[in-house]
Structures are given as C-alpha cells and as structure tokens.
Amino acid sequence: MPFAIGLLLGVFGAMLLTAAAATAWSSRRSPRAFPWQVGLTMSGGTFLVLFSAMAAWNSDNIGDALQLTGLAGLVVLAVYALAAPFLHRRHRGDDTIVLEPSALTEEVRFPGLIMGEVPYASDAGYLIAGPGILATPPDPTGVFHRKAAPRTLTPLRIRPPYLTDPTGRPDYDGRAVVLECEDDGVPVLVVTRRKDAPAVLGALGPVPAE
C-alpha cells in the first residue's frame, strides 16, 4: 500500500507538471483557455495515474509494478503520437464555432451570463431566450426584474473561451462557448454552454455570414 500511494502521487505530480508546461507552451501560441495539448495531457495522465496505482497494488514486487507502469507510459506516448497530429489539424486556423439557431416557440432558461459595459449585463448566472428576446434575470425563476438585451445587440461569431476573457467568465466544466456580440460599437460577450448557444442565436438572430 505505501508504494501504491507513493507511485500514484508521483505519477500524479508528473502529470500536473506536464500539464503546466503544456499550458505555458500553448498560451504563447493560442489564446484558448482550454488548449487541446492540456486536455490530451490530462486525459493520458489520468489513465496512467489509475493504472500505476492498480499495478502497484496487484504486483508482487516493486520491480513488476514499475515495469507495468513503464509499459503503460509507452502506450500513452503512442496514443499521443497518433492523436496529436489529428488534433493539431483540427484546431489550427480560424477557431470560429458554427452553430445553427434554434427555432424558439417559447421562452427557455439555462445557465449563462452577459459580460460587457452595457446596462443589461449580469452575473446572476442565468439567461432567458425566447422569440425575439434575450434577457438576464436576477434569480433562477426568471420572473421578476429581468433585464432584456436591446435589438441593437448583434451576434458576430461563436468561439471557445479565451485566456483574455474578463475575470469571472464561467467554464461550465469545459463546455462553455463565447458568443462575441456588438451593441452600437460596444463589445459584449454572451457566455453559455455549447448546447444552449443555439437558443441564444434563436433569440438574437444568426451570425452574419462572412
């Protein structure tokens, strides 16, 4: 048990250091808050952490546990070598996310917020979208004192979260997307989950084609 715990902590610490290095490297090349390099490192590292603990627990001696962990590390590196070129091609260039607007027939409420120097910005954490209306309520019910965005709020594009986004932007467990908007020249960000972004587009209108 002591060796299993020690090996688990050692591999876990190596994973965190590798993820930190990947974050520092990728942040100089991309503004994304969740680059694919870090996601790949964390997923492979998590597998290796769990496997190393199981190998130490089920092995008869330290040498066998280290050998099994080393073999698992080679497998992880092989998967990295196969996945990295694919992910690099997929995420290079324009990072605009293309989503179709939802056809809204009634109001729906979901997690989200509006950020920017506008009077309808809110950090309450909920959005209400309906036919021709996008509003921020001060409470989860969305019944009282909602602040509606004006018709001048124009969507520009949907993108992943950036490191340069304002403080307080939620990530929704890595599922957040950011809708860049403009209201009479004022930049506005609408942040919500990817699955709820079509409802925002349904309320504001589609993103103009390039």
N, C-alpha and C. Protein backbone atom coordinates (compact mmCIF):
# COMPACT_ATOMS: atom_id res chain seq x y z
N MET A 1 0.81 -1.21 0.00
CA MET A 1 0.00 0.00 0.00
C MET A 1 0.85 1.27 0.00
N PRO A 2 1.91 1.37 0.83
CA PRO A 2 2.73 2.60 0.78
C PRO A 2 3.31 2.86 -0.60
N PHE A 3 3.76 1.80 -1.28
CA PHE A 3 4.34 2.00 -2.60
C PHE A 3 3.27 2.39 -3.61
N ALA A 4 2.08 1.80 -3.50
CA ALA A 4 0.99 2.16 -4.40
C ALA A 4 0.63 3.64 -4.25
N ILE A 5 0.56 4.10 -2.99
CA ILE A 5 0.24 5.51 -2.76
C ILE A 5 1.37 6.41 -3.27
N GLY A 6 2.60 6.00 -3.01
CA GLY A 6 3.73 6.80 -3.47
C GLY A 6 3.82 6.88 -4.98
N LEU A 7 3.58 5.74 -5.66
CA LEU A 7 3.62 5.75 -7.12
C LEU A 7 2.48 6.59 -7.69
N LEU A 8 1.31 6.47 -7.08
CA LEU A 8 0.17 7.27 -7.54
C LEU A 8 0.47 8.76 -7.42
N LEU A 9 1.00 9.18 -6.27
CA LEU A 9 1.30 10.60 -6.06
C LEU A 9 2.41 11.06 -7.00
N GLY A 10 3.39 10.19 -7.23
CA GLY A 10 4.49 10.57 -8.12
C GLY A 10 4.03 10.78 -9.55
N VAL A 11 3.23 9.85 -10.06
CA VAL A 11 2.72 9.98 -11.42
C VAL A 11 1.76 11.16 -11.52
N PHE A 12 0.95 11.35 -10.47
CA PHE A 12 0.02 12.48 -10.46
C PHE A 12 0.78 13.81 -10.50
N GLY A 13 1.85 13.91 -9.70
CA GLY A 13 2.65 15.13 -9.72
C GLY A 13 3.31 15.36 -11.07
N ALA A 14 3.79 14.28 -11.70
CA ALA A 14 4.38 14.42 -13.04
C ALA A 14 3.34 14.88 -14.04
N MET A 15 2.10 14.39 -13.90
CA MET A 15 1.03 14.82 -14.80
C MET A 15 0.76 16.31 -14.65
N LEU A 16 0.71 16.80 -13.41
CA LEU A 16 0.45 18.23 -13.19
C LEU A 16 1.58 19.09 -13.74
N LEU A 17 2.82 18.65 -13.56
CA LEU A 17 3.94 19.41 -14.09
C LEU A 17 3.90 19.44 -15.62
N THR A 18 3.57 18.30 -16.23
CA THR A 18 3.49 18.24 -17.69
C THR A 18 2.35 19.12 -18.20
N ALA A 19 1.22 19.10 -17.49
CA ALA A 19 0.09 19.94 -17.89
C ALA A 19 0.44 21.43 -17.76
N ALA A 20 1.18 21.78 -16.70
CA ALA A 20 1.59 23.17 -16.53
C ALA A 20 2.53 23.60 -17.66
N ALA A 21 3.44 22.71 -18.04
CA ALA A 21 4.35 23.03 -19.13
C ALA A 21 3.59 23.16 -20.45
N ALA A 22 2.61 22.27 -20.67
CA ALA A 22 1.80 22.36 -21.89
C ALA A 22 0.99 23.64 -21.91
N THR A 23 0.48 24.07 -20.75
CA THR A 23 -0.28 25.32 -20.67
C THR A 23 0.61 26.51 -21.00
N ALA A 24 1.81 26.54 -20.42
CA ALA A 24 2.73 27.65 -20.69
C ALA A 24 3.14 27.68 -22.16
N TRP A 25 3.35 26.51 -22.75
CA TRP A 25 3.76 26.45 -24.15
C TRP A 25 2.63 26.88 -25.07
N SER A 26 1.43 26.37 -24.83
CA SER A 26 0.31 26.65 -25.73
C SER A 26 -0.19 28.09 -25.59
N SER A 27 -0.06 28.68 -24.38
CA SER A 27 -0.57 30.04 -24.18
C SER A 27 0.21 31.07 -24.99
N ARG A 28 1.43 30.74 -25.41
CA ARG A 28 2.20 31.65 -26.25
C ARG A 28 1.82 31.53 -27.73
N ARG A 29 1.04 30.52 -28.06
CA ARG A 29 0.68 30.27 -29.46
C ARG A 29 -0.81 30.38 -29.73
N SER A 30 -1.62 30.29 -28.67
CA SER A 30 -3.06 30.34 -28.86
C SER A 30 -3.70 31.02 -27.66
N PRO A 31 -4.77 31.83 -27.89
CA PRO A 31 -5.45 32.48 -26.76
C PRO A 31 -6.45 31.58 -26.06
N ARG A 32 -6.63 30.36 -26.52
CA ARG A 32 -7.64 29.48 -25.95
C ARG A 32 -7.38 29.19 -24.48
N ALA A 33 -8.45 29.19 -23.70
CA ALA A 33 -8.32 28.88 -22.28
C ALA A 33 -8.16 27.38 -22.03
N PHE A 34 -8.65 26.56 -22.96
CA PHE A 34 -8.56 25.11 -22.81
C PHE A 34 -7.95 24.52 -24.08
N PRO A 35 -6.64 24.65 -24.26
CA PRO A 35 -6.00 24.13 -25.48
C PRO A 35 -6.01 22.60 -25.50
N TRP A 36 -5.97 22.05 -26.70
CA TRP A 36 -6.04 20.60 -26.83
C TRP A 36 -4.81 19.91 -26.23
N GLN A 37 -3.68 20.61 -26.20
CA GLN A 37 -2.47 19.99 -25.63
C GLN A 37 -2.66 19.64 -24.16
N VAL A 38 -3.32 20.55 -23.42
CA VAL A 38 -3.54 20.31 -21.99
C VAL A 38 -4.58 19.21 -21.79
N GLY A 39 -5.63 19.22 -22.60
CA GLY A 39 -6.65 18.18 -22.49
C GLY A 39 -6.08 16.80 -22.76
N LEU A 40 -5.23 16.70 -23.78
CA LEU A 40 -4.61 15.41 -24.10
C LEU A 40 -3.68 14.97 -22.98
N THR A 41 -2.93 15.90 -22.41
CA THR A 41 -2.02 15.57 -21.31
C THR A 41 -2.79 15.09 -20.08
N MET A 42 -3.87 15.77 -19.74
CA MET A 42 -4.64 15.40 -18.56
C MET A 42 -5.34 14.06 -18.73
N SER A 43 -5.88 13.80 -19.92
CA SER A 43 -6.56 12.52 -20.13
C SER A 43 -5.58 11.35 -20.08
N GLY A 44 -4.45 11.49 -20.75
CA GLY A 44 -3.45 10.43 -20.69
C GLY A 44 -2.85 10.28 -19.31
N GLY A 45 -2.61 11.40 -18.63
CA GLY A 45 -2.05 11.34 -17.29
C GLY A 45 -2.99 10.69 -16.30
N THR A 46 -4.29 10.97 -16.43
CA THR A 46 -5.27 10.35 -15.54
C THR A 46 -5.28 8.83 -15.70
N PHE A 47 -5.24 8.37 -16.95
CA PHE A 47 -5.16 6.92 -17.20
C PHE A 47 -3.91 6.33 -16.56
N LEU A 48 -2.78 7.01 -16.71
CA LEU A 48 -1.53 6.49 -16.18
C LEU A 48 -1.54 6.50 -14.65
N VAL A 49 -2.15 7.50 -14.03
CA VAL A 49 -2.24 7.55 -12.57
C VAL A 49 -3.02 6.35 -12.04
N LEU A 50 -4.17 6.09 -12.63
CA LEU A 50 -5.01 4.97 -12.17
C LEU A 50 -4.32 3.64 -12.44
N PHE A 51 -3.70 3.51 -13.61
CA PHE A 51 -3.04 2.24 -13.93
C PHE A 51 -1.85 1.98 -13.01
N SER A 52 -1.07 3.02 -12.70
CA SER A 52 0.10 2.82 -11.84
C SER A 52 -0.31 2.37 -10.45
N ALA A 53 -1.39 2.94 -9.91
CA ALA A 53 -1.86 2.53 -8.59
C ALA A 53 -2.33 1.08 -8.60
N MET A 54 -3.06 0.70 -9.64
CA MET A 54 -3.52 -0.69 -9.75
C MET A 54 -2.36 -1.65 -9.93
N ALA A 55 -1.36 -1.23 -10.73
CA ALA A 55 -0.20 -2.10 -10.96
C ALA A 55 0.57 -2.33 -9.67
N ALA A 56 0.76 -1.28 -8.88
CA ALA A 56 1.48 -1.43 -7.61
C ALA A 56 0.68 -2.29 -6.63
N TRP A 57 -0.62 -2.13 -6.61
CA TRP A 57 -1.45 -2.87 -5.66
C TRP A 57 -1.50 -4.35 -5.98
N ASN A 58 -1.47 -4.69 -7.28
CA ASN A 58 -1.63 -6.08 -7.70
C ASN A 58 -0.32 -6.79 -8.03
N SER A 59 0.81 -6.10 -7.90
CA SER A 59 2.11 -6.71 -8.20
C SER A 59 2.73 -7.31 -6.94
N ASP A 60 3.59 -8.31 -7.15
CA ASP A 60 4.25 -8.97 -6.03
C ASP A 60 5.48 -8.21 -5.55
N ASN A 61 6.05 -7.38 -6.40
CA ASN A 61 7.25 -6.64 -6.00
C ASN A 61 7.28 -5.30 -6.72
N ILE A 62 8.21 -4.46 -6.27
CA ILE A 62 8.30 -3.10 -6.81
C ILE A 62 8.72 -3.11 -8.26
N GLY A 63 9.62 -4.02 -8.62
CA GLY A 63 10.10 -4.06 -10.00
C GLY A 63 9.00 -4.33 -11.00
N ASP A 64 8.11 -5.29 -10.69
CA ASP A 64 7.00 -5.58 -11.60
C ASP A 64 6.07 -4.37 -11.75
N ALA A 65 5.81 -3.68 -10.64
CA ALA A 65 4.94 -2.51 -10.71
C ALA A 65 5.55 -1.42 -11.58
N LEU A 66 6.85 -1.18 -11.43
CA LEU A 66 7.49 -0.16 -12.24
C LEU A 66 7.53 -0.56 -13.71
N GLN A 67 7.74 -1.85 -13.97
CA GLN A 67 7.77 -2.31 -15.35
C GLN A 67 6.41 -2.13 -16.03
N LEU A 68 5.33 -2.50 -15.31
CA LEU A 68 3.99 -2.34 -15.86
C LEU A 68 3.66 -0.87 -16.09
N THR A 69 4.07 -0.03 -15.14
CA THR A 69 3.82 1.41 -15.30
C THR A 69 4.59 1.97 -16.48
N GLY A 70 5.83 1.50 -16.66
CA GLY A 70 6.61 1.94 -17.81
C GLY A 70 6.00 1.52 -19.14
N LEU A 71 5.48 0.29 -19.20
CA LEU A 71 4.82 -0.16 -20.42
C LEU A 71 3.56 0.65 -20.70
N ALA A 72 2.81 0.95 -19.64
CA ALA A 72 1.62 1.78 -19.81
C ALA A 72 2.01 3.18 -20.30
N GLY A 73 3.13 3.70 -19.80
CA GLY A 73 3.60 5.00 -20.27
C GLY A 73 3.93 4.99 -21.75
N LEU A 74 4.50 3.90 -22.24
CA LEU A 74 4.79 3.79 -23.67
C LEU A 74 3.51 3.76 -24.50
N VAL A 75 2.49 3.07 -23.97
CA VAL A 75 1.19 3.05 -24.67
C VAL A 75 0.60 4.45 -24.74
N VAL A 76 0.68 5.19 -23.63
CA VAL A 76 0.16 6.56 -23.62
C VAL A 76 0.91 7.43 -24.62
N LEU A 77 2.22 7.30 -24.68
CA LEU A 77 3.01 8.08 -25.63
C LEU A 77 2.65 7.72 -27.07
N ALA A 78 2.38 6.43 -27.32
CA ALA A 78 1.99 6.01 -28.67
C ALA A 78 0.65 6.62 -29.07
N VAL A 79 -0.29 6.65 -28.11
CA VAL A 79 -1.59 7.28 -28.38
C VAL A 79 -1.40 8.77 -28.63
N TYR A 80 -0.53 9.41 -27.85
CA TYR A 80 -0.23 10.83 -28.07
C TYR A 80 0.26 11.05 -29.49
N ALA A 81 1.20 10.20 -29.93
CA ALA A 81 1.80 10.37 -31.25
C ALA A 81 0.76 10.25 -32.36
N LEU A 82 -0.26 9.43 -32.15
CA LEU A 82 -1.32 9.28 -33.14
C LEU A 82 -2.34 10.41 -33.07
N ALA A 83 -2.66 10.84 -31.84
CA ALA A 83 -3.73 11.83 -31.67
C ALA A 83 -3.25 13.26 -31.92
N ALA A 84 -2.00 13.57 -31.59
CA ALA A 84 -1.52 14.95 -31.68
C ALA A 84 -1.62 15.53 -33.09
N PRO A 85 -1.19 14.83 -34.16
CA PRO A 85 -1.33 15.42 -35.50
C PRO A 85 -2.78 15.68 -35.88
N PHE A 86 -3.69 14.77 -35.51
CA PHE A 86 -5.10 14.96 -35.82
C PHE A 86 -5.66 16.18 -35.10
N LEU A 87 -5.37 16.31 -33.81
CA LEU A 87 -5.88 17.44 -33.05
C LEU A 87 -5.26 18.76 -33.52
N HIS A 88 -3.99 18.70 -33.91
CA HIS A 88 -3.34 19.92 -34.41
C HIS A 88 -4.02 20.41 -35.68
N ARG A 89 -4.32 19.51 -36.61
CA ARG A 89 -5.00 19.92 -37.84
C ARG A 89 -6.41 20.42 -37.56
N ARG A 90 -7.07 19.79 -36.60
CA ARG A 90 -8.46 20.15 -36.30
C ARG A 90 -8.58 21.53 -35.68
N HIS A 91 -7.59 21.93 -34.88
CA HIS A 91 -7.70 23.16 -34.10
C HIS A 91 -6.88 24.31 -34.66
N ARG A 92 -6.21 24.13 -35.77
CA ARG A 92 -5.42 25.24 -36.30
C ARG A 92 -6.30 26.15 -37.14
N GLY A 93 -5.81 27.37 -37.36
CA GLY A 93 -6.56 28.31 -38.17
C GLY A 93 -7.70 28.95 -37.39
N ASP A 94 -8.75 29.31 -38.10
CA ASP A 94 -9.89 30.00 -37.50
C ASP A 94 -10.59 29.09 -36.50
N ASP A 95 -10.83 29.63 -35.29
CA ASP A 95 -11.46 28.82 -34.25
C ASP A 95 -12.95 29.15 -34.09
N THR A 96 -13.55 29.76 -35.10
CA THR A 96 -14.97 30.06 -35.05
C THR A 96 -15.79 28.77 -35.02
N ILE A 97 -16.78 28.73 -34.13
CA ILE A 97 -17.66 27.57 -33.99
C ILE A 97 -18.96 27.87 -34.75
N VAL A 98 -19.34 26.98 -35.64
CA VAL A 98 -20.53 27.17 -36.45
C VAL A 98 -21.69 26.39 -35.82
N LEU A 99 -22.74 27.11 -35.41
CA LEU A 99 -23.94 26.51 -34.84
C LEU A 99 -25.17 27.13 -35.49
N GLU A 100 -26.20 26.33 -35.66
CA GLU A 100 -27.45 26.81 -36.25
C GLU A 100 -28.37 27.31 -35.14
N PRO A 101 -29.09 28.41 -35.38
CA PRO A 101 -30.03 28.93 -34.37
C PRO A 101 -31.18 27.96 -34.13
N SER A 102 -31.67 27.95 -32.90
CA SER A 102 -32.85 27.17 -32.57
C SER A 102 -34.10 27.94 -32.97
N ALA A 103 -35.12 27.21 -33.38
CA ALA A 103 -36.42 27.82 -33.68
C ALA A 103 -37.22 27.87 -32.39
N LEU A 104 -37.20 29.00 -31.72
CA LEU A 104 -37.84 29.13 -30.41
C LEU A 104 -39.32 29.45 -30.56
N THR A 105 -40.14 28.70 -29.85
CA THR A 105 -41.59 28.98 -29.82
C THR A 105 -42.04 29.44 -28.44
N GLU A 106 -41.18 29.28 -27.44
CA GLU A 106 -41.47 29.72 -26.09
C GLU A 106 -40.16 30.05 -25.39
N GLU A 107 -40.25 30.68 -24.24
CA GLU A 107 -39.04 31.06 -23.50
C GLU A 107 -38.41 29.85 -22.83
N VAL A 108 -37.09 29.81 -22.87
CA VAL A 108 -36.32 28.77 -22.19
C VAL A 108 -35.29 29.44 -21.30
N ARG A 109 -34.95 28.80 -20.20
CA ARG A 109 -33.97 29.33 -19.24
C ARG A 109 -32.82 28.35 -19.12
N PHE A 110 -31.60 28.86 -19.05
CA PHE A 110 -30.43 28.00 -18.99
C PHE A 110 -29.27 28.80 -18.40
N PRO A 111 -28.19 28.13 -17.97
CA PRO A 111 -27.04 28.84 -17.40
C PRO A 111 -26.36 29.72 -18.44
N GLY A 112 -25.94 30.89 -18.01
CA GLY A 112 -25.25 31.81 -18.90
C GLY A 112 -25.20 33.20 -18.30
N LEU A 113 -24.42 34.07 -18.91
CA LEU A 113 -24.37 35.46 -18.47
C LEU A 113 -23.93 36.34 -19.62
N ILE A 114 -24.19 37.61 -19.46
CA ILE A 114 -23.80 38.63 -20.43
C ILE A 114 -22.73 39.51 -19.79
N MET A 115 -21.60 39.69 -20.48
CA MET A 115 -20.48 40.45 -19.95
C MET A 115 -20.18 41.62 -20.88
N GLY A 116 -19.97 42.78 -20.31
CA GLY A 116 -19.63 43.96 -21.10
C GLY A 116 -20.11 45.23 -20.41
N GLU A 117 -19.72 46.36 -20.96
CA GLU A 117 -20.10 47.66 -20.40
C GLU A 117 -21.47 48.08 -20.94
N VAL A 118 -22.47 47.28 -20.58
CA VAL A 118 -23.84 47.55 -21.01
C VAL A 118 -24.77 47.40 -19.81
N PRO A 119 -25.90 48.11 -19.77
CA PRO A 119 -26.78 48.06 -18.59
C PRO A 119 -27.46 46.73 -18.37
N TYR A 120 -27.55 45.91 -19.38
CA TYR A 120 -28.22 44.61 -19.23
C TYR A 120 -27.24 43.47 -18.92
N ALA A 121 -25.98 43.78 -18.70
CA ALA A 121 -25.02 42.77 -18.29
C ALA A 121 -25.38 42.27 -16.89
N SER A 122 -25.12 41.00 -16.64
CA SER A 122 -25.49 40.42 -15.35
C SER A 122 -24.61 39.23 -15.05
N ASP A 123 -24.29 39.06 -13.76
CA ASP A 123 -23.53 37.89 -13.33
C ASP A 123 -24.38 36.94 -12.50
N ALA A 124 -25.72 37.03 -12.65
CA ALA A 124 -26.61 36.17 -11.89
C ALA A 124 -26.47 34.71 -12.28
N GLY A 125 -26.04 34.46 -13.51
CA GLY A 125 -25.75 33.08 -13.92
C GLY A 125 -26.82 32.41 -14.74
N TYR A 126 -27.85 33.17 -15.17
CA TYR A 126 -28.92 32.57 -15.97
C TYR A 126 -29.28 33.50 -17.13
N LEU A 127 -29.73 32.88 -18.22
CA LEU A 127 -30.23 33.61 -19.36
C LEU A 127 -31.63 33.10 -19.70
N ILE A 128 -32.44 33.98 -20.26
CA ILE A 128 -33.76 33.61 -20.76
C ILE A 128 -33.79 33.97 -22.24
N ALA A 129 -34.10 32.96 -23.06
CA ALA A 129 -34.18 33.18 -24.51
C ALA A 129 -35.57 32.81 -24.98
N GLY A 130 -36.11 33.65 -25.84
CA GLY A 130 -37.42 33.40 -26.41
C GLY A 130 -37.50 34.02 -27.78
N PRO A 131 -38.63 33.94 -28.44
CA PRO A 131 -38.77 34.54 -29.76
C PRO A 131 -38.52 36.05 -29.72
N GLY A 132 -37.38 36.46 -30.21
CA GLY A 132 -37.06 37.88 -30.26
C GLY A 132 -36.63 38.49 -28.95
N ILE A 133 -36.29 37.70 -27.93
CA ILE A 133 -35.90 38.27 -26.64
C ILE A 133 -34.77 37.45 -26.02
N LEU A 134 -33.77 38.16 -25.50
CA LEU A 134 -32.72 37.58 -24.67
C LEU A 134 -32.62 38.44 -23.43
N ALA A 135 -32.78 37.84 -22.26
CA ALA A 135 -32.82 38.61 -21.01
C ALA A 135 -31.99 37.93 -19.94
N THR A 136 -31.60 38.73 -18.95
CA THR A 136 -30.86 38.22 -17.79
C THR A 136 -31.72 38.45 -16.55
N PRO A 137 -32.14 37.37 -15.87
CA PRO A 137 -32.92 37.52 -14.64
C PRO A 137 -32.00 37.59 -13.43
N PRO A 138 -32.42 38.25 -12.35
CA PRO A 138 -31.60 38.29 -11.14
C PRO A 138 -31.72 37.04 -10.28
N ASP A 139 -32.64 36.14 -10.63
CA ASP A 139 -32.84 34.93 -9.82
C ASP A 139 -33.15 33.78 -10.76
N PRO A 140 -33.04 32.54 -10.26
CA PRO A 140 -33.25 31.38 -11.13
C PRO A 140 -34.64 31.27 -11.73
N THR A 141 -35.66 31.86 -11.09
CA THR A 141 -37.01 31.73 -11.61
C THR A 141 -37.20 32.53 -12.90
N GLY A 142 -36.51 33.65 -13.02
CA GLY A 142 -36.62 34.47 -14.20
C GLY A 142 -37.92 35.20 -14.34
N VAL A 143 -38.63 35.39 -13.24
CA VAL A 143 -39.95 36.02 -13.30
C VAL A 143 -39.88 37.52 -13.09
N PHE A 144 -39.05 37.95 -12.15
CA PHE A 144 -39.07 39.36 -11.74
C PHE A 144 -37.81 40.09 -12.21
N HIS A 145 -38.00 41.37 -12.56
CA HIS A 145 -36.90 42.33 -12.78
C HIS A 145 -35.87 41.82 -13.79
N ARG A 146 -36.33 41.15 -14.80
CA ARG A 146 -35.40 40.71 -15.83
C ARG A 146 -34.95 41.91 -16.67
N LYS A 147 -33.70 41.83 -17.15
CA LYS A 147 -33.15 42.89 -18.00
C LYS A 147 -32.99 42.33 -19.40
N ALA A 148 -33.73 42.89 -20.33
CA ALA A 148 -33.71 42.40 -21.71
C ALA A 148 -32.65 43.11 -22.52
N ALA A 149 -31.96 42.34 -23.37
CA ALA A 149 -30.99 42.94 -24.30
C ALA A 149 -31.75 43.64 -25.42
N PRO A 150 -31.26 44.79 -25.87
CA PRO A 150 -31.95 45.53 -26.93
C PRO A 150 -31.77 44.85 -28.28
N ARG A 151 -32.57 45.29 -29.24
CA ARG A 151 -32.48 44.73 -30.58
C ARG A 151 -31.19 45.13 -31.28
N THR A 152 -30.47 46.10 -30.71
CA THR A 152 -29.20 46.52 -31.31
C THR A 152 -28.06 45.55 -31.00
N LEU A 153 -28.31 44.58 -30.13
CA LEU A 153 -27.27 43.59 -29.82
C LEU A 153 -27.14 42.63 -31.00
N THR A 154 -26.00 42.68 -31.65
CA THR A 154 -25.77 41.91 -32.88
C THR A 154 -24.72 40.84 -32.66
N PRO A 155 -25.03 39.56 -32.92
CA PRO A 155 -24.03 38.50 -32.79
C PRO A 155 -23.01 38.57 -33.93
N LEU A 156 -21.75 38.32 -33.60
CA LEU A 156 -20.68 38.35 -34.58
C LEU A 156 -20.12 36.97 -34.87
N ARG A 157 -19.77 36.24 -33.82
CA ARG A 157 -19.27 34.89 -34.02
C ARG A 157 -19.26 34.16 -32.69
N ILE A 158 -19.19 32.82 -32.76
CA ILE A 158 -19.07 31.97 -31.58
C ILE A 158 -17.67 31.39 -31.58
N ARG A 159 -17.04 31.40 -30.42
CA ARG A 159 -15.67 30.90 -30.30
C ARG A 159 -15.48 30.20 -28.97
N PRO A 160 -14.35 29.50 -28.80
CA PRO A 160 -14.04 28.91 -27.49
C PRO A 160 -13.67 30.00 -26.49
N PRO A 161 -13.67 29.71 -25.20
CA PRO A 161 -13.20 30.68 -24.21
C PRO A 161 -11.73 31.02 -24.42
N TYR A 162 -11.38 32.29 -24.17
CA TYR A 162 -10.01 32.76 -24.30
C TYR A 162 -9.44 33.10 -22.93
N LEU A 163 -8.12 33.05 -22.86
CA LEU A 163 -7.43 33.46 -21.64
C LEU A 163 -7.63 34.96 -21.38
N THR A 164 -7.90 35.73 -22.42
CA THR A 164 -8.05 37.18 -22.30
C THR A 164 -9.48 37.59 -21.95
N ASP A 165 -10.39 36.64 -21.79
CA ASP A 165 -11.76 36.98 -21.43
C ASP A 165 -11.80 37.61 -20.04
N PRO A 166 -12.83 38.42 -19.75
CA PRO A 166 -12.90 39.07 -18.44
C PRO A 166 -12.93 38.08 -17.29
N THR A 167 -12.46 38.51 -16.15
CA THR A 167 -12.48 37.70 -14.94
C THR A 167 -13.92 37.38 -14.55
N GLY A 168 -14.13 36.15 -14.15
CA GLY A 168 -15.47 35.73 -13.77
C GLY A 168 -16.21 34.96 -14.84
N ARG A 169 -15.57 34.78 -16.01
CA ARG A 169 -16.23 34.01 -17.05
C ARG A 169 -16.33 32.55 -16.62
N PRO A 170 -17.52 31.96 -16.62
CA PRO A 170 -17.66 30.56 -16.23
C PRO A 170 -17.16 29.64 -17.34
N ASP A 171 -16.81 28.39 -16.97
CA ASP A 171 -16.38 27.44 -17.98
C ASP A 171 -17.33 26.25 -18.13
N TYR A 172 -18.28 26.12 -17.18
CA TYR A 172 -19.29 25.05 -17.27
C TYR A 172 -18.64 23.69 -17.52
N ASP A 173 -17.63 23.37 -16.70
CA ASP A 173 -16.94 22.08 -16.80
C ASP A 173 -16.36 21.85 -18.19
N GLY A 174 -15.81 22.91 -18.78
CA GLY A 174 -15.18 22.79 -20.08
C GLY A 174 -16.14 22.81 -21.25
N ARG A 175 -17.42 23.09 -21.02
CA ARG A 175 -18.42 23.07 -22.09
C ARG A 175 -18.85 24.48 -22.50
N ALA A 176 -18.16 25.50 -22.04
CA ALA A 176 -18.57 26.88 -22.33
C ALA A 176 -18.15 27.29 -23.74
N VAL A 177 -18.98 28.13 -24.34
CA VAL A 177 -18.63 28.83 -25.57
C VAL A 177 -18.95 30.31 -25.36
N VAL A 178 -18.32 31.13 -26.17
CA VAL A 178 -18.47 32.58 -26.05
C VAL A 178 -19.03 33.13 -27.35
N LEU A 179 -20.15 33.82 -27.26
CA LEU A 179 -20.74 34.50 -28.41
C LEU A 179 -20.29 35.96 -28.38
N GLU A 180 -19.43 36.32 -29.32
CA GLU A 180 -19.00 37.70 -29.43
C GLU A 180 -20.10 38.52 -30.10
N CYS A 181 -20.48 39.63 -29.45
CA CYS A 181 -21.54 40.50 -29.96
C CYS A 181 -21.07 41.95 -29.95
N GLU A 182 -21.89 42.79 -30.53
CA GLU A 182 -21.62 44.22 -30.55
C GLU A 182 -22.95 44.96 -30.39
N ASP A 183 -22.94 45.99 -29.55
CA ASP A 183 -24.13 46.80 -29.32
C ASP A 183 -23.76 48.26 -29.54
N ASP A 184 -24.04 48.75 -30.73
CA ASP A 184 -23.68 50.12 -31.09
C ASP A 184 -22.20 50.41 -30.85
N GLY A 185 -21.36 49.47 -31.26
CA GLY A 185 -19.92 49.63 -31.14
C GLY A 185 -19.33 49.16 -29.82
N VAL A 186 -20.15 48.76 -28.85
CA VAL A 186 -19.66 48.28 -27.56
C VAL A 186 -19.52 46.75 -27.61
N PRO A 187 -18.33 46.20 -27.32
CA PRO A 187 -18.17 44.75 -27.32
C PRO A 187 -18.96 44.12 -26.18
N VAL A 188 -19.66 43.04 -26.48
CA VAL A 188 -20.46 42.31 -25.50
C VAL A 188 -20.19 40.83 -25.69
N LEU A 189 -20.02 40.11 -24.59
CA LEU A 189 -19.82 38.66 -24.63
C LEU A 189 -21.00 37.96 -23.97
N VAL A 190 -21.56 36.97 -24.65
CA VAL A 190 -22.60 36.12 -24.08
C VAL A 190 -21.97 34.75 -23.88
N VAL A 191 -21.89 34.31 -22.63
CA VAL A 191 -21.23 33.05 -22.28
C VAL A 191 -22.28 32.05 -21.83
N THR A 192 -22.25 30.88 -22.43
CA THR A 192 -23.18 29.83 -22.03
C THR A 192 -22.60 28.48 -22.44
N ARG A 193 -23.35 27.42 -22.19
CA ARG A 193 -22.90 26.10 -22.61
C ARG A 193 -23.10 25.94 -24.11
N ARG A 194 -22.31 25.09 -24.72
CA ARG A 194 -22.39 24.90 -26.18
C ARG A 194 -23.80 24.45 -26.59
N LYS A 195 -24.41 23.57 -25.80
CA LYS A 195 -25.72 23.07 -26.19
C LYS A 195 -26.81 24.14 -26.09
N ASP A 196 -26.57 25.21 -25.32
CA ASP A 196 -27.56 26.28 -25.18
C ASP A 196 -27.31 27.45 -26.12
N ALA A 197 -26.15 27.48 -26.77
CA ALA A 197 -25.83 28.60 -27.65
C ALA A 197 -26.82 28.74 -28.82
N PRO A 198 -27.33 27.63 -29.40
CA PRO A 198 -28.33 27.82 -30.48
C PRO A 198 -29.57 28.57 -30.02
N ALA A 199 -29.95 28.44 -28.73
CA ALA A 199 -31.09 29.19 -28.23
C ALA A 199 -30.78 30.68 -28.19
N VAL A 200 -29.55 31.05 -27.86
CA VAL A 200 -29.16 32.46 -27.87
C VAL A 200 -29.22 33.01 -29.29
N LEU A 201 -28.74 32.21 -30.25
CA LEU A 201 -28.82 32.65 -31.64
C LEU A 201 -30.27 32.74 -32.11
N GLY A 202 -31.12 31.84 -31.60
CA GLY A 202 -32.52 31.91 -31.95
C GLY A 202 -33.19 33.17 -31.44
N ALA A 203 -32.69 33.70 -30.31
CA ALA A 203 -33.26 34.93 -29.75
C ALA A 203 -32.70 36.17 -30.43
N LEU A 204 -31.41 36.16 -30.77
CA LEU A 204 -30.76 37.35 -31.34
C LEU A 204 -30.75 37.36 -32.85
N GLY A 205 -30.81 36.18 -33.46
CA GLY A 205 -30.65 36.09 -34.90
C GLY A 205 -29.35 35.39 -35.22
N PRO A 206 -29.19 34.84 -36.41
CA PRO A 206 -28.00 34.09 -36.78
C PRO A 206 -26.77 34.99 -36.90
N VAL A 207 -25.61 34.37 -36.79
CA VAL A 207 -24.36 35.08 -37.01
C VAL A 207 -24.24 35.42 -38.49
N PRO A 208 -23.93 36.66 -38.83
CA PRO A 208 -23.80 37.02 -40.25
C PRO A 208 -22.74 36.19 -40.94
N ALA A 209 -23.02 35.77 -42.16
CA ALA A 209 -22.05 35.01 -42.95
C ALA A 209 -20.90 35.91 -43.36
N GLU A 210 -19.72 35.27 -43.43
CA GLU A 210 -18.53 36.03 -43.85
C GLU A 210 -18.65 36.42 -45.33
